């Protein structure tokens, strides 16, 4: 019984370490609008290398809203996903509008 409790405790501690959160990413239309260093938008920390941007963290919100908030800060995007959910071409057009 004691061994079972120890094993359960070790699993509970190790599980969060191995779990990975879904990533967020954006491809900028114009590399010159990429921020230098990091940019925090709604709790997500964005970093760009050329036109490719990735983020960690962030508030829980619909992907379309997250896209609009990022576009307002760094300009139009040609692709966008937030916490593993990608926008369609039609949704991207609305985001960039």
PDB file of N, CA and C in Angstrom:
ATOM      1  N   UNK A   1       0.822  -1.190   0.000  1.00  0.00           N
ATOM      2  CA  UNK A   1       0.000   0.000   0.000  1.00  0.00           C
ATOM      3  C   UNK A   1       0.871   1.260   0.000  1.00  0.00           C
ATOM      4  N   UNK A   2       1.910   1.219   0.824  1.00  0.00           N
ATOM      5  CA  UNK A   2       2.795   2.379   0.901  1.00  0.00           C
ATOM      6  C   UNK A   2       3.499   2.618  -0.435  1.00  0.00           C
ATOM      7  N   UNK A   3       3.919   1.556  -1.090  1.00  0.00           N
ATOM      8  CA  UNK A   3       4.585   1.677  -2.392  1.00  0.00           C
ATOM      9  C   UNK A   3       3.642   2.287  -3.421  1.00  0.00           C
ATOM     10  N   UNK A   4       2.368   1.925  -3.351  1.00  0.00           N
ATOM     11  CA  UNK A   4       1.379   2.480  -4.269  1.00  0.00           C
ATOM     12  C   UNK A   4       1.224   3.983  -4.054  1.00  0.00           C
ATOM     13  N   UNK A   5       1.202   4.420  -2.807  1.00  0.00           N
ATOM     14  CA  UNK A   5       1.092   5.851  -2.508  1.00  0.00           C
ATOM     15  C   UNK A   5       2.319   6.617  -3.005  1.00  0.00           C
ATOM     16  N   UNK A   6       3.501   6.027  -2.818  1.00  0.00           N
ATOM     17  CA  UNK A   6       4.724   6.673  -3.282  1.00  0.00           C
ATOM     18  C   UNK A   6       4.714   6.776  -4.812  1.00  0.00           C
ATOM     19  N   UNK A   7       4.315   5.717  -5.483  1.00  0.00           N
ATOM     20  CA  UNK A   7       4.257   5.735  -6.944  1.00  0.00           C
ATOM     21  C   UNK A   7       3.257   6.781  -7.436  1.00  0.00           C
ATOM     22  N   UNK A   8       2.104   6.868  -6.786  1.00  0.00           N
ATOM     23  CA  UNK A   8       1.099   7.861  -7.173  1.00  0.00           C
ATOM     24  C   UNK A   8       1.628   9.276  -6.972  1.00  0.00           C
ATOM     25  N   UNK A   9       2.329   9.514  -5.885  1.00  0.00           N
ATOM     26  CA  UNK A   9       2.890  10.836  -5.617  1.00  0.00           C
ATOM     27  C   UNK A   9       3.941  11.195  -6.657  1.00  0.00           C
ATOM     28  N   UNK A  10       4.796  10.249  -7.022  1.00  0.00           N
ATOM     29  CA  UNK A  10       5.816  10.517  -8.041  1.00  0.00           C
ATOM     30  C   UNK A  10       5.184  10.806  -9.387  1.00  0.00           C
ATOM     31  N   UNK A  11       4.141  10.080  -9.742  1.00  0.00           N
ATOM     32  CA  UNK A  11       3.457  10.322 -11.015  1.00  0.00           C
ATOM     33  C   UNK A  11       2.825  11.706 -11.016  1.00  0.00           C
ATOM     34  N   UNK A  12       2.209  12.104  -9.921  1.00  0.00           N
ATOM     35  CA  UNK A  12       1.561  13.419  -9.842  1.00  0.00           C
ATOM     36  C   UNK A  12       2.571  14.544 -10.004  1.00  0.00           C
ATOM     37  N   UNK A  13       3.785  14.351  -9.491  1.00  0.00           N
ATOM     38  CA  UNK A  13       4.822  15.368  -9.612  1.00  0.00           C
ATOM     39  C   UNK A  13       5.408  15.367 -11.023  1.00  0.00           C
ATOM     40  N   UNK A  14       5.596  14.211 -11.621  1.00  0.00           N
ATOM     41  CA  UNK A  14       6.236  14.117 -12.928  1.00  0.00           C
ATOM     42  C   UNK A  14       5.300  14.478 -14.072  1.00  0.00           C
ATOM     43  N   UNK A  15       4.006  14.276 -13.930  1.00  0.00           N
ATOM     44  CA  UNK A  15       3.061  14.505 -15.026  1.00  0.00           C
ATOM     45  C   UNK A  15       3.091  15.933 -15.550  1.00  0.00           C
ATOM     46  N   UNK A  16       3.036  16.978 -14.698  1.00  0.00           N
ATOM     47  CA  UNK A  16       3.056  18.336 -15.239  1.00  0.00           C
ATOM     48  C   UNK A  16       4.357  18.685 -15.957  1.00  0.00           C
ATOM     49  N   UNK A  17       5.450  18.083 -15.554  1.00  0.00           N
ATOM     50  CA  UNK A  17       6.726  18.382 -16.186  1.00  0.00           C
ATOM     51  C   UNK A  17       6.731  17.870 -17.624  1.00  0.00           C
ATOM     52  N   UNK A  18       6.143  16.703 -17.860  1.00  0.00           N
ATOM     53  CA  UNK A  18       6.184  16.133 -19.196  1.00  0.00           C
ATOM     54  C   UNK A  18       5.068  16.657 -20.094  1.00  0.00           C
ATOM     55  N   UNK A  19       4.046  17.251 -19.529  1.00  0.00           N
ATOM     56  CA  UNK A  19       2.942  17.774 -20.336  1.00  0.00           C
ATOM     57  C   UNK A  19       3.389  19.040 -21.051  1.00  0.00           C
ATOM     58  N   UNK A  20       3.024  19.157 -22.327  1.00  0.00           N
ATOM     59  CA  UNK A  20       3.361  20.342 -23.090  1.00  0.00           C
ATOM     60  C   UNK A  20       2.079  21.046 -23.503  1.00  0.00           C
ATOM     61  N   UNK A  21       2.088  22.361 -23.356  1.00  0.00           N
ATOM     62  CA  UNK A  21       0.906  23.109 -23.759  1.00  0.00           C
ATOM     63  C   UNK A  21       0.944  23.336 -25.270  1.00  0.00           C
ATOM     64  N   UNK A  22      -0.222  23.458 -25.882  1.00  0.00           N
ATOM     65  CA  UNK A  22      -0.259  23.727 -27.323  1.00  0.00           C
ATOM     66  C   UNK A  22       0.448  25.047 -27.630  1.00  0.00           C
ATOM     67  N   UNK A  23       1.085  25.088 -28.774  1.00  0.00           N
ATOM     68  CA  UNK A  23       1.841  26.285 -29.136  1.00  0.00           C
ATOM     69  C   UNK A  23       0.980  27.270 -29.908  1.00  0.00           C
ATOM     70  N   UNK A  24       1.423  28.492 -29.917  1.00  0.00           N
ATOM     71  CA  UNK A  24       0.794  29.552 -30.694  1.00  0.00           C
ATOM     72  C   UNK A  24       1.833  30.047 -31.687  1.00  0.00           C
ATOM     73  N   UNK A  25       1.378  30.387 -32.893  1.00  0.00           N
ATOM     74  CA  UNK A  25       2.318  30.859 -33.901  1.00  0.00           C
ATOM     75  C   UNK A  25       1.629  31.808 -34.872  1.00  0.00           C
ATOM     76  N   UNK A  26       2.450  32.605 -35.516  1.00  0.00           N
ATOM     77  CA  UNK A  26       1.961  33.535 -36.536  1.00  0.00           C
ATOM     78  C   UNK A  26       3.051  33.700 -37.582  1.00  0.00           C
ATOM     79  N   UNK A  27       2.629  33.925 -38.812  1.00  0.00           N
ATOM     80  CA  UNK A  27       3.559  34.263 -39.888  1.00  0.00           C
ATOM     81  C   UNK A  27       3.192  35.667 -40.339  1.00  0.00           C
ATOM     82  N   UNK A  28       4.123  36.588 -40.169  1.00  0.00           N
ATOM     83  CA  UNK A  28       3.881  37.983 -40.514  1.00  0.00           C
ATOM     84  C   UNK A  28       3.939  38.194 -42.023  1.00  0.00           C
ATOM     85  N   UNK A  29       3.117  39.084 -42.507  1.00  0.00           N
ATOM     86  CA  UNK A  29       3.151  39.450 -43.919  1.00  0.00           C
ATOM     87  C   UNK A  29       4.410  40.268 -44.196  1.00  0.00           C
ATOM     88  N   UNK A  30       4.805  41.098 -43.245  1.00  0.00           N
ATOM     89  CA  UNK A  30       5.938  41.999 -43.422  1.00  0.00           C
ATOM     90  C   UNK A  30       6.924  41.809 -42.266  1.00  0.00           C
ATOM     91  N   UNK A  31       8.112  41.316 -42.556  1.00  0.00           N
ATOM     92  CA  UNK A  31       9.108  41.058 -41.515  1.00  0.00           C
ATOM     93  C   UNK A  31       9.535  42.330 -40.784  1.00  0.00           C
ATOM     94  N   UNK A  32       9.429  43.481 -41.430  1.00  0.00           N
ATOM     95  CA  UNK A  32       9.858  44.725 -40.782  1.00  0.00           C
ATOM     96  C   UNK A  32       8.945  45.118 -39.624  1.00  0.00           C
ATOM     97  N   UNK A  33       7.754  44.516 -39.547  1.00  0.00           N
ATOM     98  CA  UNK A  33       6.859  44.830 -38.428  1.00  0.00           C
ATOM     99  C   UNK A  33       7.101  43.930 -37.226  1.00  0.00           C
ATOM    100  N   UNK A  34       8.031  42.970 -37.360  1.00  0.00           N
ATOM    101  CA  UNK A  34       8.334  42.057 -36.254  1.00  0.00           C
ATOM    102  C   UNK A  34       8.938  42.838 -35.091  1.00  0.00           C
ATOM    103  N   UNK A  35       8.489  42.543 -33.885  1.00  0.00           N
ATOM    104  CA  UNK A  35       9.057  43.242 -32.732  1.00  0.00           C
ATOM    105  C   UNK A  35      10.482  42.779 -32.455  1.00  0.00           C
ATOM    106  N   UNK A  36      11.298  43.690 -31.968  1.00  0.00           N
ATOM    107  CA  UNK A  36      12.647  43.331 -31.528  1.00  0.00           C
ATOM    108  C   UNK A  36      12.513  42.778 -30.116  1.00  0.00           C
ATOM    109  N   UNK A  37      13.040  41.630 -29.867  1.00  0.00           N
ATOM    110  CA  UNK A  37      12.910  41.018 -28.548  1.00  0.00           C
ATOM    111  C   UNK A  37      11.557  40.370 -28.384  1.00  0.00           C
ATOM    112  N   UNK A  38      10.999  40.478 -27.188  1.00  0.00           N
ATOM    113  CA  UNK A  38       9.712  39.835 -26.927  1.00  0.00           C
ATOM    114  C   UNK A  38       8.596  40.863 -26.835  1.00  0.00           C
ATOM    115  N   UNK A  39       7.408  40.395 -27.104  1.00  0.00           N
ATOM    116  CA  UNK A  39       6.215  41.232 -27.049  1.00  0.00           C
ATOM    117  C   UNK A  39       5.147  40.444 -26.301  1.00  0.00           C
ATOM    118  N   UNK A  40       4.540  41.043 -25.307  1.00  0.00           N
ATOM    119  CA  UNK A  40       3.505  40.362 -24.533  1.00  0.00           C
ATOM    120  C   UNK A  40       2.147  40.906 -24.947  1.00  0.00           C
ATOM    121  N   UNK A  41       1.274  39.996 -25.397  1.00  0.00           N
ATOM    122  CA  UNK A  41      -0.086  40.340 -25.797  1.00  0.00           C
ATOM    123  C   UNK A  41      -1.031  39.410 -25.040  1.00  0.00           C
ATOM    124  N   UNK A  42      -1.871  39.962 -24.193  1.00  0.00           N
ATOM    125  CA  UNK A  42      -2.837  39.185 -23.399  1.00  0.00           C
ATOM    126  C   UNK A  42      -2.183  38.021 -22.667  1.00  0.00           C
ATOM    127  N   UNK A  43      -1.012  38.259 -22.121  1.00  0.00           N
ATOM    128  CA  UNK A  43      -0.313  37.248 -21.344  1.00  0.00           C
ATOM    129  C   UNK A  43       0.535  36.292 -22.154  1.00  0.00           C
ATOM    130  N   UNK A  44       0.432  36.314 -23.473  1.00  0.00           N
ATOM    131  CA  UNK A  44       1.259  35.462 -24.326  1.00  0.00           C
ATOM    132  C   UNK A  44       2.549  36.204 -24.662  1.00  0.00           C
ATOM    133  N   UNK A  45       3.670  35.529 -24.512  1.00  0.00           N
ATOM    134  CA  UNK A  45       4.963  36.125 -24.827  1.00  0.00           C
ATOM    135  C   UNK A  45       5.358  35.712 -26.232  1.00  0.00           C
ATOM    136  N   UNK A  46       5.325  36.678 -27.153  1.00  0.00           N
ATOM    137  CA  UNK A  46       5.632  36.447 -28.564  1.00  0.00           C
ATOM    138  C   UNK A  46       7.082  36.800 -28.842  1.00  0.00           C
ATOM    139  N   UNK A  47       7.726  35.958 -29.654  1.00  0.00           N
ATOM    140  CA  UNK A  47       9.087  36.206 -30.139  1.00  0.00           C
ATOM    141  C   UNK A  47       9.096  35.918 -31.632  1.00  0.00           C
ATOM    142  N   UNK A  48       9.742  36.772 -32.380  1.00  0.00           N
ATOM    143  CA  UNK A  48       9.764  36.613 -33.845  1.00  0.00           C
ATOM    144  C   UNK A  48      11.190  36.472 -34.347  1.00  0.00           C
ATOM    145  N   UNK A  49      11.314  35.685 -35.396  1.00  0.00           N
ATOM    146  CA  UNK A  49      12.562  35.536 -36.129  1.00  0.00           C
ATOM    147  C   UNK A  49      12.201  35.703 -37.594  1.00  0.00           C
ATOM    148  N   UNK A  50      12.457  36.885 -38.129  1.00  0.00           N
ATOM    149  CA  UNK A  50      11.992  37.206 -39.478  1.00  0.00           C
ATOM    150  C   UNK A  50      10.478  37.319 -39.467  1.00  0.00           C
ATOM    151  N   UNK A  51       9.812  36.540 -40.307  1.00  0.00           N
ATOM    152  CA  UNK A  51       8.347  36.584 -40.350  1.00  0.00           C
ATOM    153  C   UNK A  51       7.704  35.524 -39.464  1.00  0.00           C
ATOM    154  N   UNK A  52       8.492  34.601 -38.925  1.00  0.00           N
ATOM    155  CA  UNK A  52       7.954  33.510 -38.091  1.00  0.00           C
ATOM    156  C   UNK A  52       7.942  33.911 -36.626  1.00  0.00           C
ATOM    157  N   UNK A  53       6.763  33.878 -36.025  1.00  0.00           N
ATOM    158  CA  UNK A  53       6.618  34.239 -34.617  1.00  0.00           C
ATOM    159  C   UNK A  53       6.003  33.069 -33.850  1.00  0.00           C
ATOM    160  N   UNK A  54       6.456  32.874 -32.622  1.00  0.00           N
ATOM    161  CA  UNK A  54       5.883  31.855 -31.751  1.00  0.00           C
ATOM    162  C   UNK A  54       5.616  32.481 -30.389  1.00  0.00           C
ATOM    163  N   UNK A  55       4.687  31.862 -29.660  1.00  0.00           N
ATOM    164  CA  UNK A  55       4.330  32.393 -28.348  1.00  0.00           C
ATOM    165  C   UNK A  55       4.144  31.268 -27.354  1.00  0.00           C
ATOM    166  N   UNK A  56       4.351  31.622 -26.101  1.00  0.00           N
ATOM    167  CA  UNK A  56       4.062  30.731 -24.990  1.00  0.00           C
ATOM    168  C   UNK A  56       3.117  31.443 -24.047  1.00  0.00           C
ATOM    169  N   UNK A  57       2.301  30.663 -23.370  1.00  0.00           N
ATOM    170  CA  UNK A  57       1.366  31.231 -22.405  1.00  0.00           C
ATOM    171  C   UNK A  57       0.215  31.939 -23.086  1.00  0.00           C
ATOM    172  N   UNK A  58      -0.449  32.770 -22.330  1.00  0.00           N
ATOM    173  CA  UNK A  58      -1.540  33.563 -22.882  1.00  0.00           C
ATOM    174  C   UNK A  58      -2.869  33.291 -22.217  1.00  0.00           C
ATOM    175  N   UNK A  59      -3.723  34.281 -22.297  1.00  0.00           N
ATOM    176  CA  UNK A  59      -5.055  34.202 -21.720  1.00  0.00           C
ATOM    177  C   UNK A  59      -5.906  33.206 -22.501  1.00  0.00           C
ATOM    178  N   UNK A  60      -6.874  32.641 -21.826  1.00  0.00           N
ATOM    179  CA  UNK A  60      -7.823  31.757 -22.489  1.00  0.00           C
ATOM    180  C   UNK A  60      -8.835  32.620 -23.222  1.00  0.00           C
ATOM    181  N   UNK A  61      -8.835  32.527 -24.553  1.00  0.00           N
ATOM    182  CA  UNK A  61      -9.728  33.343 -25.369  1.00  0.00           C
ATOM    183  C   UNK A  61      -9.902  32.688 -26.730  1.00  0.00           C
ATOM    184  N   UNK A  62     -10.914  33.066 -27.474  1.00  0.00           N
ATOM    185  CA  UNK A  62     -11.097  32.513 -28.813  1.00  0.00           C
ATOM    186  C   UNK A  62      -9.916  32.879 -29.721  1.00  0.00           C
ATOM    187  N   UNK A  63      -9.581  31.974 -30.625  1.00  0.00           N
ATOM    188  CA  UNK A  63      -8.443  32.189 -31.507  1.00  0.00           C
ATOM    189  C   UNK A  63      -8.624  33.436 -32.369  1.00  0.00           C
ATOM    190  N   UNK A  64      -9.833  33.729 -32.813  1.00  0.00           N
ATOM    191  CA  UNK A  64     -10.061  34.921 -33.646  1.00  0.00           C
ATOM    192  C   UNK A  64      -9.749  36.201 -32.872  1.00  0.00           C
ATOM    193  N   UNK A  65     -10.116  36.248 -31.608  1.00  0.00           N
ATOM    194  CA  UNK A  65      -9.825  37.434 -30.787  1.00  0.00           C
ATOM    195  C   UNK A  65      -8.321  37.563 -30.563  1.00  0.00           C
ATOM    196  N   UNK A  66      -7.673  36.446 -30.268  1.00  0.00           N
ATOM    197  CA  UNK A  66      -6.224  36.472 -30.064  1.00  0.00           C
ATOM    198  C   UNK A  66      -5.529  36.990 -31.318  1.00  0.00           C
ATOM    199  N   UNK A  67      -5.991  36.550 -32.479  1.00  0.00           N
ATOM    200  CA  UNK A  67      -5.411  37.014 -33.740  1.00  0.00           C
ATOM    201  C   UNK A  67      -5.578  38.524 -33.901  1.00  0.00           C
ATOM    202  N   UNK A  68      -6.774  39.023 -33.678  1.00  0.00           N
ATOM    203  CA  UNK A  68      -7.010  40.474 -33.817  1.00  0.00           C
ATOM    204  C   UNK A  68      -6.113  41.268 -32.888  1.00  0.00           C
ATOM    205  N   UNK A  69      -5.918  40.775 -31.666  1.00  0.00           N
ATOM    206  CA  UNK A  69      -5.083  41.487 -30.696  1.00  0.00           C
ATOM    207  C   UNK A  69      -3.610  41.498 -31.142  1.00  0.00           C
ATOM    208  N   UNK A  70      -3.140  40.382 -31.702  1.00  0.00           N
ATOM    209  CA  UNK A  70      -1.759  40.319 -32.182  1.00  0.00           C
ATOM    210  C   UNK A  70      -1.590  41.204 -33.415  1.00  0.00           C
ATOM    211  N   UNK A  71      -2.517  41.124 -34.354  1.00  0.00           N
ATOM    212  CA  UNK A  71      -2.443  41.934 -35.572  1.00  0.00           C
ATOM    213  C   UNK A  71      -2.450  43.426 -35.234  1.00  0.00           C
ATOM    214  N   UNK A  72      -3.202  43.818 -34.240  1.00  0.00           N
ATOM    215  CA  UNK A  72      -3.241  45.227 -33.831  1.00  0.00           C
ATOM    216  C   UNK A  72      -1.878  45.702 -33.348  1.00  0.00           C
ATOM    217  N   UNK A  73      -1.074  44.798 -32.827  1.00  0.00           N
ATOM    218  CA  UNK A  73       0.234  45.182 -32.291  1.00  0.00           C
ATOM    219  C   UNK A  73       1.381  45.016 -33.283  1.00  0.00           C
ATOM    220  N   UNK A  74       1.324  43.986 -34.167  1.00  0.00           N
ATOM    221  CA  UNK A  74       2.480  43.734 -35.025  1.00  0.00           C
ATOM    222  C   UNK A  74       2.169  43.671 -36.517  1.00  0.00           C
ATOM    223  N   UNK A  75       0.921  43.885 -36.900  1.00  0.00           N
ATOM    224  CA  UNK A  75       0.601  43.935 -38.316  1.00  0.00           C
ATOM    225  C   UNK A  75       0.002  42.656 -38.861  1.00  0.00           C
ATOM    226  N   UNK A  76      -0.381  42.676 -40.137  1.00  0.00           N
ATOM    227  CA  UNK A  76      -1.083  41.553 -40.770  1.00  0.00           C
ATOM    228  C   UNK A  76      -0.294  40.245 -40.735  1.00  0.00           C
ATOM    229  N   UNK A  77      -1.037  39.151 -40.710  1.00  0.00           N
ATOM    230  CA  UNK A  77      -0.443  37.821 -40.694  1.00  0.00           C
ATOM    231  C   UNK A  77      -0.979  36.993 -41.863  1.00  0.00           C
ATOM    232  N   UNK A  78      -0.154  36.059 -42.330  1.00  0.00           N
ATOM    233  CA  UNK A  78      -0.598  35.161 -43.396  1.00  0.00           C
ATOM    234  C   UNK A  78      -0.974  33.786 -42.855  1.00  0.00           C
ATOM    235  N   UNK A  79      -0.659  33.536 -41.591  1.00  0.00           N
ATOM    236  CA  UNK A  79      -1.061  32.306 -40.902  1.00  0.00           C
ATOM    237  C   UNK A  79      -1.099  32.615 -39.413  1.00  0.00           C
ATOM    238  N   UNK A  80      -2.014  31.954 -38.688  1.00  0.00           N
ATOM    239  CA  UNK A  80      -2.126  32.200 -37.254  1.00  0.00           C
ATOM    240  C   UNK A  80      -2.740  30.996 -36.568  1.00  0.00           C
ATOM    241  N   UNK A  81      -2.136  30.589 -35.452  1.00  0.00           N
ATOM    242  CA  UNK A  81      -2.733  29.564 -34.588  1.00  0.00           C
ATOM    243  C   UNK A  81      -2.525  30.004 -33.144  1.00  0.00           C
ATOM    244  N   UNK A  82      -3.494  29.685 -32.313  1.00  0.00           N
ATOM    245  CA  UNK A  82      -3.429  30.073 -30.909  1.00  0.00           C
ATOM    246  C   UNK A  82      -3.752  28.863 -30.058  1.00  0.00           C
ATOM    247  N   UNK A  83      -2.766  28.461 -29.264  1.00  0.00           N
ATOM    248  CA  UNK A  83      -2.902  27.296 -28.392  1.00  0.00           C
ATOM    249  C   UNK A  83      -3.359  26.066 -29.172  1.00  0.00           C
ATOM    250  N   UNK A  84      -2.773  25.890 -30.360  1.00  0.00           N
ATOM    251  CA  UNK A  84      -3.030  24.710 -31.155  1.00  0.00           C
ATOM    252  C   UNK A  84      -4.211  24.780 -32.100  1.00  0.00           C
ATOM    253  N   UNK A  85      -4.957  25.903 -32.104  1.00  0.00           N
ATOM    254  CA  UNK A  85      -6.117  26.055 -32.993  1.00  0.00           C
ATOM    255  C   UNK A  85      -5.749  27.049 -34.095  1.00  0.00           C
ATOM    256  N   UNK A  86      -5.794  26.585 -35.349  1.00  0.00           N
ATOM    257  CA  UNK A  86      -5.402  27.420 -36.488  1.00  0.00           C
ATOM    258  C   UNK A  86      -6.610  28.077 -37.138  1.00  0.00           C
ATOM    259  N   UNK A  87      -6.397  29.264 -37.671  1.00  0.00           N
ATOM    260  CA  UNK A  87      -7.444  29.973 -38.400  1.00  0.00           C
ATOM    261  C   UNK A  87      -7.489  29.517 -39.851  1.00  0.00           C
ATOM    262  N   UNK A  88      -8.682  29.527 -40.423  1.00  0.00           N
ATOM    263  CA  UNK A  88      -8.856  29.241 -41.845  1.00  0.00           C
ATOM    264  C   UNK A  88      -8.509  30.505 -42.635  1.00  0.00           C
ATOM    265  N   UNK A  89      -8.450  30.383 -43.948  1.00  0.00           N
ATOM    266  CA  UNK A  89      -8.152  31.541 -44.806  1.00  0.00           C
ATOM    267  C   UNK A  89      -9.208  32.627 -44.623  1.00  0.00           C
ATOM    268  N   UNK A  90     -10.465  32.242 -44.529  1.00  0.00           N
ATOM    269  CA  UNK A  90     -11.535  33.218 -44.325  1.00  0.00           C
ATOM    270  C   UNK A  90     -11.399  33.916 -42.972  1.00  0.00           C
ATOM    271  N   UNK A  91     -11.079  33.180 -41.952  1.00  0.00           N
ATOM    272  CA  UNK A  91     -10.886  33.770 -40.619  1.00  0.00           C
ATOM    273  C   UNK A  91      -9.660  34.681 -40.601  1.00  0.00           C
ATOM    274  N   UNK A  92      -8.618  34.313 -41.335  1.00  0.00           N
ATOM    275  CA  UNK A  92      -7.423  35.165 -41.420  1.00  0.00           C
ATOM    276  C   UNK A  92      -7.765  36.505 -42.075  1.00  0.00           C
ATOM    277  N   UNK A  93      -8.575  36.459 -43.134  1.00  0.00           N
ATOM    278  CA  UNK A  93      -8.968  37.698 -43.808  1.00  0.00           C
ATOM    279  C   UNK A  93      -9.722  38.610 -42.853  1.00  0.00           C
ATOM    280  N   UNK A  94     -10.602  38.044 -42.055  1.00  0.00           N
ATOM    281  CA  UNK A  94     -11.357  38.835 -41.071  1.00  0.00           C
ATOM    282  C   UNK A  94     -10.423  39.384 -39.992  1.00  0.00           C
ATOM    283  N   UNK A  95      -9.447  38.590 -39.593  1.00  0.00           N
ATOM    284  CA  UNK A  95      -8.493  39.030 -38.576  1.00  0.00           C
ATOM    285  C   UNK A  95      -7.674  40.209 -39.063  1.00  0.00           C
ATOM    286  N   UNK A  96      -7.259  40.166 -40.308  1.00  0.00           N
ATOM    287  CA  UNK A  96      -6.409  41.219 -40.878  1.00  0.00           C
ATOM    288  C   UNK A  96      -7.189  42.476 -41.283  1.00  0.00           C
ATOM    289  N   UNK A  97      -8.501  42.395 -41.337  1.00  0.00           N
ATOM    290  CA  UNK A  97      -9.321  43.520 -41.797  1.00  0.00           C
ATOM    291  C   UNK A  97      -9.293  44.683 -40.833  1.00  0.00           C
TER     292      UNK A  97
END
